[in-house]
Structure formats: C-alpha cells, structure tokens
Amino acid sequence: MLLQLNHLQSFASLVAVSVICGYMSLVITLIAVACSQFDKLKTAILDIRQQHHRQDDEQDHTIANCDLQVKLKACIRHHQDIIG
C-alpha cells in the first residue's frame, strides 16, 4: 500500500512539473512572438516617418498624405492585432 502511494505521489509530482514547465514555455513563446511583432511595427512606423520626410520636397502633398494615412492605419490595425 505504501509503495503504491509513493508511485502515485511521484506521478502527481511529475504531472505538476510538466504542467508548470509547459505553461512557462507557452508564456515565454508568446512573449517572444509579441516582442518580434512590436519590432516589426516599430520598423514600419520608422519607414513611414522616413517616407514622410522624403516627400516633404515633393509638390503634391495630398497624394502623399493619403498614402501615409493608409500606411499609418495599417500600422494601427497591426498594433490592435498584437494586443488582441
């Protein structure tokens, strides 16, 4: 009876350690994915900023502003997808 109880406790401990390690691995993976998505978003925003500075010299600002607004809206949607 005592030997059976020790096996049951060992199995329960093994299951508990597996669940905790599995959960931590999942959390770490999700954090890494979110951080990489935020890096992509930062790169996209910096690209928009550089394009805006380059287009300051152009004559037609309305087309450039519309294009920048579309890209900015895409960045906002991407940010919402990361958070959601």
N, C-alpha and C. Protein backbone atom coordinates (compact mmCIF):
# COMPACT_ATOMS: atom_id res chain seq x y z
N MET A 1 0.82 -1.19 0.00
CA MET A 1 0.00 0.00 0.00
C MET A 1 0.87 1.26 0.00
N LEU A 2 1.91 1.26 0.81
CA LEU A 2 2.79 2.42 0.90
C LEU A 2 3.55 2.62 -0.40
N LEU A 3 3.96 1.53 -1.04
CA LEU A 3 4.68 1.62 -2.31
C LEU A 3 3.78 2.19 -3.41
N GLN A 4 2.52 1.80 -3.38
CA GLN A 4 1.56 2.31 -4.36
C GLN A 4 1.34 3.81 -4.15
N LEU A 5 1.30 4.24 -2.92
CA LEU A 5 1.12 5.65 -2.61
C LEU A 5 2.32 6.46 -3.08
N ASN A 6 3.53 5.93 -2.91
CA ASN A 6 4.72 6.62 -3.38
C ASN A 6 4.72 6.78 -4.90
N HIS A 7 4.27 5.74 -5.62
CA HIS A 7 4.19 5.82 -7.08
C HIS A 7 3.17 6.88 -7.51
N LEU A 8 2.06 6.92 -6.80
CA LEU A 8 1.02 7.91 -7.12
C LEU A 8 1.52 9.33 -6.85
N GLN A 9 2.22 9.54 -5.76
CA GLN A 9 2.77 10.86 -5.45
C GLN A 9 3.85 11.24 -6.48
N SER A 10 4.65 10.28 -6.89
CA SER A 10 5.68 10.56 -7.90
C SER A 10 5.04 10.95 -9.23
N PHE A 11 3.99 10.21 -9.60
CA PHE A 11 3.29 10.53 -10.84
C PHE A 11 2.64 11.91 -10.77
N ALA A 12 2.02 12.24 -9.65
CA ALA A 12 1.39 13.55 -9.48
C ALA A 12 2.43 14.67 -9.53
N SER A 13 3.58 14.44 -8.92
CA SER A 13 4.65 15.44 -8.96
C SER A 13 5.16 15.63 -10.38
N LEU A 14 5.31 14.54 -11.11
CA LEU A 14 5.77 14.61 -12.50
C LEU A 14 4.76 15.37 -13.36
N VAL A 15 3.50 15.11 -13.16
CA VAL A 15 2.46 15.82 -13.92
C VAL A 15 2.49 17.31 -13.57
N ALA A 16 2.62 17.64 -12.30
CA ALA A 16 2.64 19.04 -11.88
C ALA A 16 3.83 19.78 -12.49
N VAL A 17 5.00 19.17 -12.46
CA VAL A 17 6.20 19.79 -13.03
C VAL A 17 6.03 19.96 -14.53
N SER A 18 5.45 18.97 -15.21
CA SER A 18 5.23 19.07 -16.66
C SER A 18 4.28 20.19 -17.01
N VAL A 19 3.22 20.33 -16.23
CA VAL A 19 2.24 21.39 -16.49
C VAL A 19 2.88 22.76 -16.28
N ILE A 20 3.62 22.91 -15.21
CA ILE A 20 4.26 24.20 -14.92
C ILE A 20 5.28 24.54 -16.00
N CYS A 21 6.13 23.59 -16.36
CA CYS A 21 7.14 23.84 -17.41
C CYS A 21 6.49 24.11 -18.76
N GLY A 22 5.43 23.37 -19.07
CA GLY A 22 4.72 23.59 -20.32
C GLY A 22 4.08 24.97 -20.38
N TYR A 23 3.48 25.37 -19.28
CA TYR A 23 2.85 26.69 -19.21
C TYR A 23 3.89 27.80 -19.36
N MET A 24 5.01 27.65 -18.67
CA MET A 24 6.06 28.67 -18.75
C MET A 24 6.64 28.74 -20.17
N SER A 25 6.78 27.60 -20.81
CA SER A 25 7.27 27.59 -22.19
C SER A 25 6.30 28.31 -23.11
N LEU A 26 5.01 28.08 -22.92
CA LEU A 26 3.99 28.75 -23.73
C LEU A 26 4.04 30.25 -23.51
N VAL A 27 4.13 30.69 -22.26
CA VAL A 27 4.17 32.12 -21.95
C VAL A 27 5.40 32.77 -22.56
N ILE A 28 6.56 32.13 -22.42
CA ILE A 28 7.79 32.68 -22.99
C ILE A 28 7.70 32.77 -24.51
N THR A 29 7.13 31.75 -25.14
CA THR A 29 6.98 31.78 -26.60
C THR A 29 6.05 32.91 -27.03
N LEU A 30 4.94 33.08 -26.34
CA LEU A 30 4.00 34.15 -26.70
C LEU A 30 4.62 35.54 -26.50
N ILE A 31 5.40 35.70 -25.45
CA ILE A 31 6.08 36.98 -25.22
C ILE A 31 7.10 37.24 -26.33
N ALA A 32 7.83 36.22 -26.74
CA ALA A 32 8.81 36.39 -27.81
C ALA A 32 8.13 36.77 -29.12
N VAL A 33 7.00 36.15 -29.42
CA VAL A 33 6.27 36.47 -30.65
C VAL A 33 5.75 37.90 -30.59
N ALA A 34 5.20 38.30 -29.45
CA ALA A 34 4.69 39.67 -29.31
C ALA A 34 5.81 40.69 -29.46
N CYS A 35 6.97 40.42 -28.87
CA CYS A 35 8.10 41.35 -28.99
C CYS A 35 8.57 41.47 -30.44
N SER A 36 8.60 40.35 -31.15
CA SER A 36 9.01 40.43 -32.56
C SER A 36 8.00 41.20 -33.40
N GLN A 37 6.71 41.06 -33.07
CA GLN A 37 5.68 41.82 -33.78
C GLN A 37 5.79 43.31 -33.49
N PHE A 38 6.11 43.66 -32.24
CA PHE A 38 6.32 45.07 -31.91
C PHE A 38 7.54 45.63 -32.63
N ASP A 39 8.58 44.82 -32.81
CA ASP A 39 9.74 45.27 -33.58
C ASP A 39 9.37 45.53 -35.04
N LYS A 40 8.56 44.64 -35.62
CA LYS A 40 8.09 44.86 -36.99
C LYS A 40 7.26 46.13 -37.09
N LEU A 41 6.42 46.37 -36.09
CA LEU A 41 5.60 47.58 -36.08
C LEU A 41 6.46 48.83 -35.97
N LYS A 42 7.47 48.78 -35.12
CA LYS A 42 8.39 49.92 -34.97
C LYS A 42 9.10 50.21 -36.28
N THR A 43 9.55 49.15 -36.96
CA THR A 43 10.22 49.33 -38.25
C THR A 43 9.28 49.96 -39.28
N ALA A 44 8.04 49.52 -39.29
CA ALA A 44 7.06 50.07 -40.23
C ALA A 44 6.80 51.55 -39.95
N ILE A 45 6.70 51.91 -38.69
CA ILE A 45 6.45 53.32 -38.33
C ILE A 45 7.66 54.18 -38.68
N LEU A 46 8.86 53.68 -38.44
CA LEU A 46 10.06 54.44 -38.81
C LEU A 46 10.15 54.60 -40.33
N ASP A 47 9.72 53.59 -41.07
CA ASP A 47 9.70 53.68 -42.53
C ASP A 47 8.72 54.75 -42.99
N ILE A 48 7.57 54.81 -42.34
CA ILE A 48 6.58 55.85 -42.67
C ILE A 48 7.17 57.23 -42.39
N ARG A 49 7.86 57.35 -41.29
CA ARG A 49 8.47 58.64 -40.93
C ARG A 49 9.51 59.06 -41.97
N GLN A 50 10.35 58.12 -42.40
CA GLN A 50 11.36 58.44 -43.42
C GLN A 50 10.72 58.82 -44.74
N GLN A 51 9.66 58.12 -45.11
CA GLN A 51 8.97 58.45 -46.36
C GLN A 51 8.34 59.83 -46.27
N HIS A 52 7.82 60.17 -45.11
CA HIS A 52 7.20 61.48 -44.93
C HIS A 52 8.24 62.60 -45.08
N HIS A 53 9.43 62.38 -44.54
CA HIS A 53 10.49 63.39 -44.67
C HIS A 53 10.96 63.50 -46.11
N ARG A 54 10.99 62.39 -46.83
CA ARG A 54 11.40 62.42 -48.24
C ARG A 54 10.34 63.13 -49.10
N GLN A 55 9.07 62.97 -48.74
CA GLN A 55 8.00 63.53 -49.54
C GLN A 55 7.73 65.00 -49.23
N ASP A 56 8.42 65.55 -48.23
CA ASP A 56 8.27 66.98 -47.95
C ASP A 56 8.75 67.83 -49.11
N ASP A 57 9.67 67.30 -49.91
CA ASP A 57 10.22 68.05 -51.04
C ASP A 57 9.31 67.99 -52.26
N GLU A 58 8.37 67.06 -52.28
CA GLU A 58 7.51 66.91 -53.46
C GLU A 58 6.44 68.00 -53.50
N GLN A 59 5.87 68.19 -54.69
CA GLN A 59 4.87 69.23 -54.90
C GLN A 59 3.48 68.79 -54.42
N ASP A 60 3.09 67.54 -54.74
CA ASP A 60 1.73 67.08 -54.47
C ASP A 60 1.65 66.42 -53.09
N HIS A 61 1.26 67.20 -52.10
CA HIS A 61 1.20 66.69 -50.73
C HIS A 61 -0.06 65.88 -50.46
N THR A 62 -1.13 66.12 -51.22
CA THR A 62 -2.39 65.42 -50.91
C THR A 62 -2.27 63.92 -51.19
N ILE A 63 -1.65 63.55 -52.31
CA ILE A 63 -1.48 62.13 -52.62
C ILE A 63 -0.53 61.48 -51.62
N ALA A 64 0.54 62.19 -51.28
CA ALA A 64 1.50 61.66 -50.31
C ALA A 64 0.86 61.48 -48.94
N ASN A 65 0.04 62.45 -48.53
CA ASN A 65 -0.62 62.35 -47.22
C ASN A 65 -1.63 61.21 -47.19
N CYS A 66 -2.34 60.99 -48.28
CA CYS A 66 -3.29 59.87 -48.34
C CYS A 66 -2.56 58.54 -48.23
N ASP A 67 -1.43 58.43 -48.93
CA ASP A 67 -0.63 57.21 -48.89
C ASP A 67 -0.10 56.97 -47.48
N LEU A 68 0.36 58.03 -46.83
CA LEU A 68 0.87 57.89 -45.46
C LEU A 68 -0.24 57.53 -44.48
N GLN A 69 -1.44 58.08 -44.70
CA GLN A 69 -2.56 57.74 -43.82
C GLN A 69 -2.94 56.27 -43.96
N VAL A 70 -2.90 55.76 -45.17
CA VAL A 70 -3.22 54.33 -45.39
C VAL A 70 -2.20 53.45 -44.67
N LYS A 71 -0.93 53.82 -44.78
CA LYS A 71 0.11 53.03 -44.11
C LYS A 71 0.01 53.14 -42.59
N LEU A 72 -0.33 54.32 -42.10
CA LEU A 72 -0.48 54.51 -40.66
C LEU A 72 -1.68 53.72 -40.14
N LYS A 73 -2.77 53.70 -40.88
CA LYS A 73 -3.93 52.91 -40.48
C LYS A 73 -3.59 51.42 -40.45
N ALA A 74 -2.77 50.97 -41.39
CA ALA A 74 -2.33 49.56 -41.39
C ALA A 74 -1.50 49.27 -40.16
N CYS A 75 -0.66 50.22 -39.75
CA CYS A 75 0.15 50.04 -38.53
C CYS A 75 -0.75 49.99 -37.30
N ILE A 76 -1.78 50.82 -37.28
CA ILE A 76 -2.70 50.81 -36.14
C ILE A 76 -3.43 49.48 -36.06
N ARG A 77 -3.87 48.94 -37.21
CA ARG A 77 -4.53 47.63 -37.23
C ARG A 77 -3.57 46.54 -36.76
N HIS A 78 -2.32 46.62 -37.19
CA HIS A 78 -1.32 45.65 -36.78
C HIS A 78 -1.13 45.72 -35.25
N HIS A 79 -1.08 46.91 -34.70
CA HIS A 79 -0.93 47.08 -33.25
C HIS A 79 -2.13 46.47 -32.52
N GLN A 80 -3.32 46.71 -33.04
CA GLN A 80 -4.52 46.14 -32.41
C GLN A 80 -4.51 44.61 -32.49
N ASP A 81 -4.00 44.07 -33.58
CA ASP A 81 -3.90 42.61 -33.70
C ASP A 81 -2.92 42.04 -32.70
N ILE A 82 -1.82 42.77 -32.46
CA ILE A 82 -0.81 42.30 -31.48
C ILE A 82 -1.43 42.31 -30.09
N ILE A 83 -2.12 43.38 -29.73
CA ILE A 83 -2.71 43.49 -28.41
C ILE A 83 -3.84 42.49 -28.21
N GLY A 84 -4.64 42.29 -29.26
CA GLY A 84 -5.82 41.41 -29.17
C GLY A 84 -5.44 40.01 -29.22
